[in-house]
Amino acid sequence: MATTYRDRLIADIDEVPKSKLPQLYAIVHTIKEQLLTTAPTGPGVGKRCLGSAKGHVWMADDFNAPLPDEIVDEFYK
Protein backbone atom coordinates (compact mmCIF):
# COMPACT_ATOMS: atom_id res chain seq x y z
CA MET A 1 0.00 0.00 0.00
CA ALA A 2 1.42 3.38 -1.03
CA THR A 3 1.80 5.75 1.90
CA THR A 4 3.72 8.70 0.47
CA TYR A 5 3.25 10.76 -2.68
CA ARG A 6 6.46 9.23 -3.99
CA ASP A 7 5.19 5.69 -3.36
CA ARG A 8 1.86 6.51 -4.98
CA LEU A 9 3.59 8.04 -8.00
CA ILE A 10 5.86 5.03 -8.44
CA ALA A 11 2.87 2.68 -8.10
CA ASP A 12 0.99 4.66 -10.77
CA ILE A 13 4.01 4.61 -13.10
CA ASP A 14 4.34 0.85 -12.65
CA GLU A 15 0.82 0.49 -14.07
CA VAL A 16 1.69 2.33 -17.32
CA PRO A 17 2.37 0.02 -20.29
CA LYS A 18 6.03 0.05 -21.37
CA SER A 19 5.03 1.29 -24.83
CA LYS A 20 3.61 4.49 -23.26
CA LEU A 21 6.59 5.27 -20.99
CA PRO A 22 8.33 7.61 -23.48
CA GLN A 23 5.17 9.74 -23.68
CA LEU A 24 4.84 9.75 -19.90
CA TYR A 25 8.49 10.73 -19.52
CA ALA A 26 8.03 13.67 -21.91
CA ILE A 27 5.00 14.90 -19.97
CA VAL A 28 6.66 14.54 -16.56
CA HIS A 29 9.85 16.21 -17.78
CA THR A 30 7.90 19.19 -19.16
CA ILE A 31 5.91 19.60 -15.96
CA LYS A 32 9.04 19.27 -13.80
CA GLU A 33 10.81 21.98 -15.79
CA GLN A 34 7.79 24.29 -15.45
CA LEU A 35 7.57 23.71 -11.71
CA LEU A 36 11.26 24.36 -11.14
CA THR A 37 11.67 27.37 -13.42
CA THR A 38 8.39 29.24 -12.94
CA ALA A 39 8.32 31.82 -10.19
CA PRO A 40 5.47 31.31 -7.74
CA THR A 41 2.50 33.60 -8.18
CA GLY A 42 -0.60 34.29 -6.20
CA PRO A 43 -1.71 36.17 -3.13
CA GLY A 44 1.09 36.99 -0.72
CA VAL A 45 3.87 36.11 -3.18
CA GLY A 46 6.30 38.66 -4.50
CA LYS A 47 6.83 42.30 -3.61
CA ARG A 48 4.38 43.71 -1.11
CA CYS A 49 3.10 47.22 -1.43
CA LEU A 50 1.36 49.18 1.32
CA GLY A 51 -2.21 49.94 0.35
CA SER A 52 -2.40 47.26 -2.32
CA ALA A 53 -5.57 45.80 -0.74
CA LYS A 54 -7.33 49.16 -0.62
CA GLY A 55 -10.90 48.74 -1.79
CA HIS A 56 -10.75 44.95 -1.41
CA VAL A 57 -11.26 44.81 2.36
CA TRP A 58 -14.32 45.92 4.27
CA MET A 59 -14.43 46.43 8.01
CA ALA A 60 -17.51 47.16 10.11
CA ASP A 61 -17.73 50.59 11.70
CA ASP A 62 -17.99 48.99 15.14
CA PHE A 63 -15.03 46.63 14.65
CA ASN A 64 -13.17 47.96 17.70
CA ALA A 65 -16.29 48.23 19.87
CA PRO A 66 -16.34 46.06 22.99
CA LEU A 67 -18.01 42.68 22.62
CA PRO A 68 -21.29 42.02 24.42
CA ASP A 69 -20.88 40.47 27.88
CA GLU A 70 -22.52 37.19 26.75
CA ILE A 71 -19.81 36.66 24.14
CA VAL A 72 -16.96 37.64 26.47
CA ASP A 73 -18.30 35.22 29.09
CA GLU A 74 -18.07 32.37 26.54
CA PHE A 75 -14.29 32.89 26.35
CA TYR A 76 -13.90 32.32 30.07
CA LYS A 77 -15.99 29.15 30.48
PDB file of N, CA and C in Angstrom:
ATOM      1  N   MET A   1       0.843  -1.186   0.000  1.00  0.00           N
ATOM      2  CA  MET A   1       0.000   0.000   0.000  1.00  0.00           C
ATOM      3  C   MET A   1       0.887   1.248   0.000  1.00  0.00           C
ATOM      4  N   ALA A   2       0.625   2.161  -0.924  1.00  0.00           N
ATOM      5  CA  ALA A   2       1.420   3.380  -1.031  1.00  0.00           C
ATOM      6  C   ALA A   2       1.046   4.338   0.093  1.00  0.00           C
ATOM      7  N   THR A   3       2.068   4.858   0.777  1.00  0.00           N
ATOM      8  CA  THR A   3       1.796   5.746   1.902  1.00  0.00           C
ATOM      9  C   THR A   3       2.282   7.168   1.664  1.00  0.00           C
ATOM     10  N   THR A   4       3.229   7.359   0.759  1.00  0.00           N
ATOM     11  CA  THR A   4       3.719   8.704   0.474  1.00  0.00           C
ATOM     12  C   THR A   4       3.387   9.054  -0.970  1.00  0.00           C
ATOM     13  N   TYR A   5       3.484  10.337  -1.289  1.00  0.00           N
ATOM     14  CA  TYR A   5       3.247  10.756  -2.675  1.00  0.00           C
ATOM     15  C   TYR A   5       4.218  10.051  -3.615  1.00  0.00           C
ATOM     16  N   ARG A   6       5.458   9.904  -3.154  1.00  0.00           N
ATOM     17  CA  ARG A   6       6.462   9.230  -3.989  1.00  0.00           C
ATOM     18  C   ARG A   6       6.053   7.782  -4.259  1.00  0.00           C
ATOM     19  N   ASP A   7       5.628   7.082  -3.201  1.00  0.00           N
ATOM     20  CA  ASP A   7       5.193   5.694  -3.364  1.00  0.00           C
ATOM     21  C   ASP A   7       3.984   5.595  -4.289  1.00  0.00           C
ATOM     22  N   ARG A   8       3.053   6.525  -4.122  1.00  0.00           N
ATOM     23  CA  ARG A   8       1.860   6.511  -4.978  1.00  0.00           C
ATOM     24  C   ARG A   8       2.233   6.778  -6.436  1.00  0.00           C
ATOM     25  N   LEU A   9       3.158   7.716  -6.640  1.00  0.00           N
ATOM     26  CA  LEU A   9       3.591   8.038  -7.996  1.00  0.00           C
ATOM     27  C   LEU A   9       4.282   6.842  -8.647  1.00  0.00           C
ATOM     28  N   ILE A  10       5.155   6.199  -7.908  1.00  0.00           N
ATOM     29  CA  ILE A  10       5.859   5.030  -8.436  1.00  0.00           C
ATOM     30  C   ILE A  10       4.869   3.909  -8.742  1.00  0.00           C
ATOM     31  N   ALA A  11       3.885   3.712  -7.861  1.00  0.00           N
ATOM     32  CA  ALA A  11       2.871   2.681  -8.099  1.00  0.00           C
ATOM     33  C   ALA A  11       2.071   2.994  -9.362  1.00  0.00           C
ATOM     34  N   ASP A  12       1.721   4.276  -9.559  1.00  0.00           N
ATOM     35  CA  ASP A  12       0.987   4.659 -10.766  1.00  0.00           C
ATOM     36  C   ASP A  12       1.843   4.446 -12.020  1.00  0.00           C
ATOM     37  N   ILE A  13       3.118   4.784 -11.947  1.00  0.00           N
ATOM     38  CA  ILE A  13       4.011   4.612 -13.096  1.00  0.00           C
ATOM     39  C   ILE A  13       4.166   3.133 -13.427  1.00  0.00           C
ATOM     40  N   ASP A  14       4.216   2.290 -12.419  1.00  0.00           N
ATOM     41  CA  ASP A  14       4.340   0.852 -12.653  1.00  0.00           C
ATOM     42  C   ASP A  14       3.161   0.277 -13.422  1.00  0.00           C
ATOM     43  N   GLU A  15       2.006   0.960 -13.362  1.00  0.00           N
ATOM     44  CA  GLU A  15       0.816   0.489 -14.074  1.00  0.00           C
ATOM     45  C   GLU A  15       0.801   0.908 -15.546  1.00  0.00           C
ATOM     46  N   VAL A  16       1.661   1.835 -15.938  1.00  0.00           N
ATOM     47  CA  VAL A  16       1.693   2.330 -17.317  1.00  0.00           C
ATOM     48  C   VAL A  16       2.367   1.277 -18.213  1.00  0.00           C
ATOM     49  N   PRO A  17       1.738   0.970 -19.364  1.00  0.00           N
ATOM     50  CA  PRO A  17       2.374   0.017 -20.289  1.00  0.00           C
ATOM     51  C   PRO A  17       3.723   0.550 -20.766  1.00  0.00           C
ATOM     52  N   LYS A  18       4.670  -0.357 -20.967  1.00  0.00           N
ATOM     53  CA  LYS A  18       6.026   0.051 -21.373  1.00  0.00           C
ATOM     54  C   LYS A  18       6.013   0.851 -22.667  1.00  0.00           C
ATOM     55  N   SER A  19       5.081   0.577 -23.545  1.00  0.00           N
ATOM     56  CA  SER A  19       5.032   1.292 -24.826  1.00  0.00           C
ATOM     57  C   SER A  19       4.661   2.768 -24.644  1.00  0.00           C
ATOM     58  N   LYS A  20       4.034   3.107 -23.515  1.00  0.00           N
ATOM     59  CA  LYS A  20       3.614   4.493 -23.257  1.00  0.00           C
ATOM     60  C   LYS A  20       4.601   5.262 -22.380  1.00  0.00           C
ATOM     61  N   LEU A  21       5.636   4.609 -21.883  1.00  0.00           N
ATOM     62  CA  LEU A  21       6.586   5.271 -20.991  1.00  0.00           C
ATOM     63  C   LEU A  21       7.301   6.462 -21.624  1.00  0.00           C
ATOM     64  N   PRO A  22       7.699   6.413 -22.909  1.00  0.00           N
ATOM     65  CA  PRO A  22       8.327   7.610 -23.483  1.00  0.00           C
ATOM     66  C   PRO A  22       7.406   8.834 -23.467  1.00  0.00           C
ATOM     67  N   GLN A  23       6.119   8.625 -23.720  1.00  0.00           N
ATOM     68  CA  GLN A  23       5.172   9.742 -23.680  1.00  0.00           C
ATOM     69  C   GLN A  23       5.028  10.270 -22.251  1.00  0.00           C
ATOM     70  N   LEU A  24       4.952   9.347 -21.297  1.00  0.00           N
ATOM     71  CA  LEU A  24       4.839   9.749 -19.902  1.00  0.00           C
ATOM     72  C   LEU A  24       6.081  10.519 -19.465  1.00  0.00           C
ATOM     73  N   TYR A  25       7.250  10.047 -19.869  1.00  0.00           N
ATOM     74  CA  TYR A  25       8.490  10.732 -19.518  1.00  0.00           C
ATOM     75  C   TYR A  25       8.486  12.160 -20.061  1.00  0.00           C
ATOM     76  N   ALA A  26       8.061  12.329 -21.302  1.00  0.00           N
ATOM     77  CA  ALA A  26       8.034  13.666 -21.907  1.00  0.00           C
ATOM     78  C   ALA A  26       7.102  14.593 -21.130  1.00  0.00           C
ATOM     79  N   ILE A  27       5.959  14.082 -20.713  1.00  0.00           N
ATOM     80  CA  ILE A  27       5.005  14.896 -19.966  1.00  0.00           C
ATOM     81  C   ILE A  27       5.581  15.272 -18.602  1.00  0.00           C
ATOM     82  N   VAL A  28       6.106  14.287 -17.897  1.00  0.00           N
ATOM     83  CA  VAL A  28       6.658  14.536 -16.559  1.00  0.00           C
ATOM     84  C   VAL A  28       7.836  15.498 -16.640  1.00  0.00           C
ATOM     85  N   HIS A  29       8.700  15.327 -17.628  1.00  0.00           N
ATOM     86  CA  HIS A  29       9.855  16.206 -17.781  1.00  0.00           C
ATOM     87  C   HIS A  29       9.407  17.647 -18.022  1.00  0.00           C
ATOM     88  N   THR A  30       8.404  17.840 -18.863  1.00  0.00           N
ATOM     89  CA  THR A  30       7.896  19.185 -19.158  1.00  0.00           C
ATOM     90  C   THR A  30       7.320  19.822 -17.902  1.00  0.00           C
ATOM     91  N   ILE A  31       6.518  19.070 -17.173  1.00  0.00           N
ATOM     92  CA  ILE A  31       5.908  19.599 -15.955  1.00  0.00           C
ATOM     93  C   ILE A  31       6.981  19.920 -14.916  1.00  0.00           C
ATOM     94  N   LYS A  32       7.963  19.040 -14.771  1.00  0.00           N
ATOM     95  CA  LYS A  32       9.037  19.267 -13.804  1.00  0.00           C
ATOM     96  C   LYS A  32       9.789  20.556 -14.125  1.00  0.00           C
ATOM     97  N   GLU A  33      10.100  20.757 -15.385  1.00  0.00           N
ATOM     98  CA  GLU A  33      10.808  21.983 -15.787  1.00  0.00           C
ATOM     99  C   GLU A  33       9.967  23.218 -15.484  1.00  0.00           C
ATOM    100  N   GLN A  34       8.661  23.149 -15.732  1.00  0.00           N
ATOM    101  CA  GLN A  34       7.789  24.288 -15.448  1.00  0.00           C
ATOM    102  C   GLN A  34       7.728  24.570 -13.956  1.00  0.00           C
ATOM    103  N   LEU A  35       7.635  23.526 -13.157  1.00  0.00           N
ATOM    104  CA  LEU A  35       7.568  23.713 -11.705  1.00  0.00           C
ATOM    105  C   LEU A  35       8.848  24.311 -11.146  1.00  0.00           C
ATOM    106  N   LEU A  36       9.983  23.908 -11.684  1.00  0.00           N
ATOM    107  CA  LEU A  36      11.260  24.359 -11.137  1.00  0.00           C
ATOM    108  C   LEU A  36      11.706  25.712 -11.669  1.00  0.00           C
ATOM    109  N   THR A  37      11.210  26.117 -12.833  1.00  0.00           N
ATOM    110  CA  THR A  37      11.666  27.374 -13.421  1.00  0.00           C
ATOM    111  C   THR A  37      10.656  28.501 -13.328  1.00  0.00           C
ATOM    112  N   THR A  38       9.416  28.201 -13.013  1.00  0.00           N
ATOM    113  CA  THR A  38       8.387  29.235 -12.945  1.00  0.00           C
ATOM    114  C   THR A  38       8.368  29.825 -11.545  1.00  0.00           C
ATOM    115  N   ALA A  39       8.399  31.146 -11.480  1.00  0.00           N
ATOM    116  CA  ALA A  39       8.323  31.822 -10.189  1.00  0.00           C
ATOM    117  C   ALA A  39       6.919  31.658  -9.629  1.00  0.00           C
ATOM    118  N   PRO A  40       6.804  31.454  -8.336  1.00  0.00           N
ATOM    119  CA  PRO A  40       5.472  31.310  -7.740  1.00  0.00           C
ATOM    120  C   PRO A  40       4.675  32.591  -7.877  1.00  0.00           C
ATOM    121  N   THR A  41       3.386  32.444  -8.075  1.00  0.00           N
ATOM    122  CA  THR A  41       2.496  33.597  -8.184  1.00  0.00           C
ATOM    123  C   THR A  41       1.303  33.363  -7.283  1.00  0.00           C
ATOM    124  N   GLY A  42       0.593  34.406  -7.010  1.00  0.00           N
ATOM    125  CA  GLY A  42      -0.601  34.287  -6.199  1.00  0.00           C
ATOM    126  C   GLY A  42      -0.574  35.271  -5.051  1.00  0.00           C
ATOM    127  N   PRO A  43      -1.625  35.231  -4.250  1.00  0.00           N
ATOM    128  CA  PRO A  43      -1.705  36.168  -3.133  1.00  0.00           C
ATOM    129  C   PRO A  43      -0.548  35.979  -2.155  1.00  0.00           C
ATOM    130  N   GLY A  44       0.033  37.052  -1.723  1.00  0.00           N
ATOM    131  CA  GLY A  44       1.087  36.987  -0.724  1.00  0.00           C
ATOM    132  C   GLY A  44       2.451  36.630  -1.271  1.00  0.00           C
ATOM    133  N   VAL A  45       2.588  36.484  -2.596  1.00  0.00           N
ATOM    134  CA  VAL A  45       3.870  36.113  -3.184  1.00  0.00           C
ATOM    135  C   VAL A  45       4.414  37.319  -3.942  1.00  0.00           C
ATOM    136  N   GLY A  46       5.681  37.560  -3.765  1.00  0.00           N
ATOM    137  CA  GLY A  46       6.300  38.665  -4.496  1.00  0.00           C
ATOM    138  C   GLY A  46       6.400  39.912  -3.644  1.00  0.00           C
ATOM    139  N   LYS A  47       6.640  41.032  -4.304  1.00  0.00           N
ATOM    140  CA  LYS A  47       6.826  42.304  -3.614  1.00  0.00           C
ATOM    141  C   LYS A  47       5.504  42.787  -3.022  1.00  0.00           C
ATOM    142  N   ARG A  48       5.562  43.191  -1.774  1.00  0.00           N
ATOM    143  CA  ARG A  48       4.375  43.707  -1.111  1.00  0.00           C
ATOM    144  C   ARG A  48       4.393  45.229  -1.173  1.00  0.00           C
ATOM    145  N   CYS A  49       3.223  45.776  -1.313  1.00  0.00           N
ATOM    146  CA  CYS A  49       3.101  47.218  -1.428  1.00  0.00           C
ATOM    147  C   CYS A  49       2.018  47.693  -0.467  1.00  0.00           C
ATOM    148  N   LEU A  50       2.352  48.655   0.392  1.00  0.00           N
ATOM    149  CA  LEU A  50       1.356  49.177   1.317  1.00  0.00           C
ATOM    150  C   LEU A  50       0.180  49.763   0.547  1.00  0.00           C
ATOM    151  N   GLY A  51      -1.010  49.422   0.983  1.00  0.00           N
ATOM    152  CA  GLY A  51      -2.213  49.941   0.351  1.00  0.00           C
ATOM    153  C   GLY A  51      -2.679  49.144  -0.846  1.00  0.00           C
ATOM    154  N   SER A  52      -2.022  48.029  -1.135  1.00  0.00           N
ATOM    155  CA  SER A  52      -2.395  47.262  -2.323  1.00  0.00           C
ATOM    156  C   SER A  52      -3.753  46.574  -2.178  1.00  0.00           C
ATOM    157  N   ALA A  53      -4.263  46.428  -0.949  1.00  0.00           N
ATOM    158  CA  ALA A  53      -5.569  45.802  -0.736  1.00  0.00           C
ATOM    159  C   ALA A  53      -6.677  46.839  -0.585  1.00  0.00           C
ATOM    160  N   LYS A  54      -6.343  48.100  -0.785  1.00  0.00           N
ATOM    161  CA  LYS A  54      -7.330  49.156  -0.617  1.00  0.00           C
ATOM    162  C   LYS A  54      -8.502  48.925  -1.565  1.00  0.00           C
ATOM    163  N   GLY A  55      -9.701  48.969  -0.997  1.00  0.00           N
ATOM    164  CA  GLY A  55     -10.900  48.737  -1.792  1.00  0.00           C
ATOM    165  C   GLY A  55     -11.300  47.268  -1.865  1.00  0.00           C
ATOM    166  N   HIS A  56     -10.443  46.371  -1.377  1.00  0.00           N
ATOM    167  CA  HIS A  56     -10.749  44.945  -1.406  1.00  0.00           C
ATOM    168  C   HIS A  56     -11.178  44.427  -0.034  1.00  0.00           C
ATOM    169  N   VAL A  57     -10.971  45.231   0.997  1.00  0.00           N
ATOM    170  CA  VAL A  57     -11.260  44.807   2.357  1.00  0.00           C
ATOM    171  C   VAL A  57     -12.300  45.734   2.944  1.00  0.00           C
ATOM    172  N   TRP A  58     -13.296  45.137   3.598  1.00  0.00           N
ATOM    173  CA  TRP A  58     -14.322  45.923   4.268  1.00  0.00           C
ATOM    174  C   TRP A  58     -14.290  45.609   5.747  1.00  0.00           C
ATOM    175  N   MET A  59     -14.421  46.634   6.571  1.00  0.00           N
ATOM    176  CA  MET A  59     -14.429  46.434   8.011  1.00  0.00           C
ATOM    177  C   MET A  59     -15.622  47.192   8.591  1.00  0.00           C
ATOM    178  N   ALA A  60     -16.339  46.537   9.487  1.00  0.00           N
ATOM    179  CA  ALA A  60     -17.513  47.161  10.110  1.00  0.00           C
ATOM    180  C   ALA A  60     -17.107  48.400  10.892  1.00  0.00           C
ATOM    181  N   ASP A  61     -18.009  49.362  10.962  1.00  0.00           N
ATOM    182  CA  ASP A  61     -17.729  50.591  11.696  1.00  0.00           C
ATOM    183  C   ASP A  61     -17.490  50.324  13.180  1.00  0.00           C
ATOM    184  N   ASP A  62     -18.120  49.287  13.726  1.00  0.00           N
ATOM    185  CA  ASP A  62     -17.985  48.991  15.145  1.00  0.00           C
ATOM    186  C   ASP A  62     -16.960  47.871  15.407  1.00  0.00           C
ATOM    187  N   PHE A  63     -16.002  47.712  14.531  1.00  0.00           N
ATOM    188  CA  PHE A  63     -15.025  46.631  14.646  1.00  0.00           C
ATOM    189  C   PHE A  63     -14.301  46.658  15.989  1.00  0.00           C
ATOM    190  N   ASN A  64     -13.926  47.830  16.448  1.00  0.00           N
ATOM    191  CA  ASN A  64     -13.174  47.962  17.700  1.00  0.00           C
ATOM    192  C   ASN A  64     -14.071  48.129  18.922  1.00  0.00           C
ATOM    193  N   ALA A  65     -15.374  48.082  18.745  1.00  0.00           N
ATOM    194  CA  ALA A  65     -16.294  48.227  19.872  1.00  0.00           C
ATOM    195  C   ALA A  65     -16.183  47.006  20.784  1.00  0.00           C
ATOM    196  N   PRO A  66     -16.400  47.202  22.063  1.00  0.00           N
ATOM    197  CA  PRO A  66     -16.344  46.063  22.989  1.00  0.00           C
ATOM    198  C   PRO A  66     -17.405  45.025  22.632  1.00  0.00           C
ATOM    199  N   LEU A  67     -17.071  43.759  22.883  1.00  0.00           N
ATOM    200  CA  LEU A  67     -18.015  42.681  22.620  1.00  0.00           C
ATOM    201  C   LEU A  67     -19.078  42.660  23.714  1.00  0.00           C
ATOM    202  N   PRO A  68     -20.260  42.165  23.379  1.00  0.00           N
ATOM    203  CA  PRO A  68     -21.289  42.025  24.417  1.00  0.00           C
ATOM    204  C   PRO A  68     -20.812  41.062  25.516  1.00  0.00           C
ATOM    205  N   ASP A  69     -21.302  41.280  26.734  1.00  0.00           N
ATOM    206  CA  ASP A  69     -20.877  40.467  27.879  1.00  0.00           C
ATOM    207  C   ASP A  69     -21.128  38.983  27.658  1.00  0.00           C
ATOM    208  N   GLU A  70     -22.219  38.611  26.982  1.00  0.00           N
ATOM    209  CA  GLU A  70     -22.524  37.194  26.751  1.00  0.00           C
ATOM    210  C   GLU A  70     -21.403  36.521  25.950  1.00  0.00           C
ATOM    211  N   ILE A  71     -20.867  37.228  24.983  1.00  0.00           N
ATOM    212  CA  ILE A  71     -19.807  36.660  24.141  1.00  0.00           C
ATOM    213  C   ILE A  71     -18.499  36.591  24.921  1.00  0.00           C
ATOM    214  N   VAL A  72     -18.186  37.623  25.666  1.00  0.00           N
ATOM    215  CA  VAL A  72     -16.965  37.638  26.471  1.00  0.00           C
ATOM    216  C   VAL A  72     -16.994  36.509  27.482  1.00  0.00           C
ATOM    217  N   ASP A  73     -18.154  36.291  28.094  1.00  0.00           N
ATOM    218  CA  ASP A  73     -18.304  35.224  29.094  1.00  0.00           C
ATOM    219  C   ASP A  73     -18.016  33.861  28.488  1.00  0.00           C
ATOM    220  N   GLU A  74     -18.322  33.652  27.216  1.00  0.00           N
ATOM    221  CA  GLU A  74     -18.065  32.366  26.544  1.00  0.00           C
ATOM    222  C   GLU A  74     -16.563  32.065  26.481  1.00  0.00           C
ATOM    223  N   PHE A  75     -15.736  33.094  26.410  1.00  0.00           N
ATOM    224  CA  PHE A  75     -14.288  32.887  26.350  1.00  0.00           C
ATOM    225  C   PHE A  75     -13.732  32.374  27.674  1.00  0.00           C
ATOM    226  N   TYR A  76     -14.425  32.657  28.751  1.00  0.00           N
ATOM    227  CA  TYR A  76     -13.895  32.319  30.075  1.00  0.00           C
ATOM    228  C   TYR A  76     -14.603  31.142  30.710  1.00  0.00           C
ATOM    229  N   LYS A  77     -15.330  30.363  29.953  1.00  0.00           N
ATOM    230  CA  LYS A  77     -15.986  29.154  30.481  1.00  0.00           C
ATOM    231  C   LYS A  77     -15.003  28.060  30.680  1.00  0.00           C
TER     232      LYS A  77
END
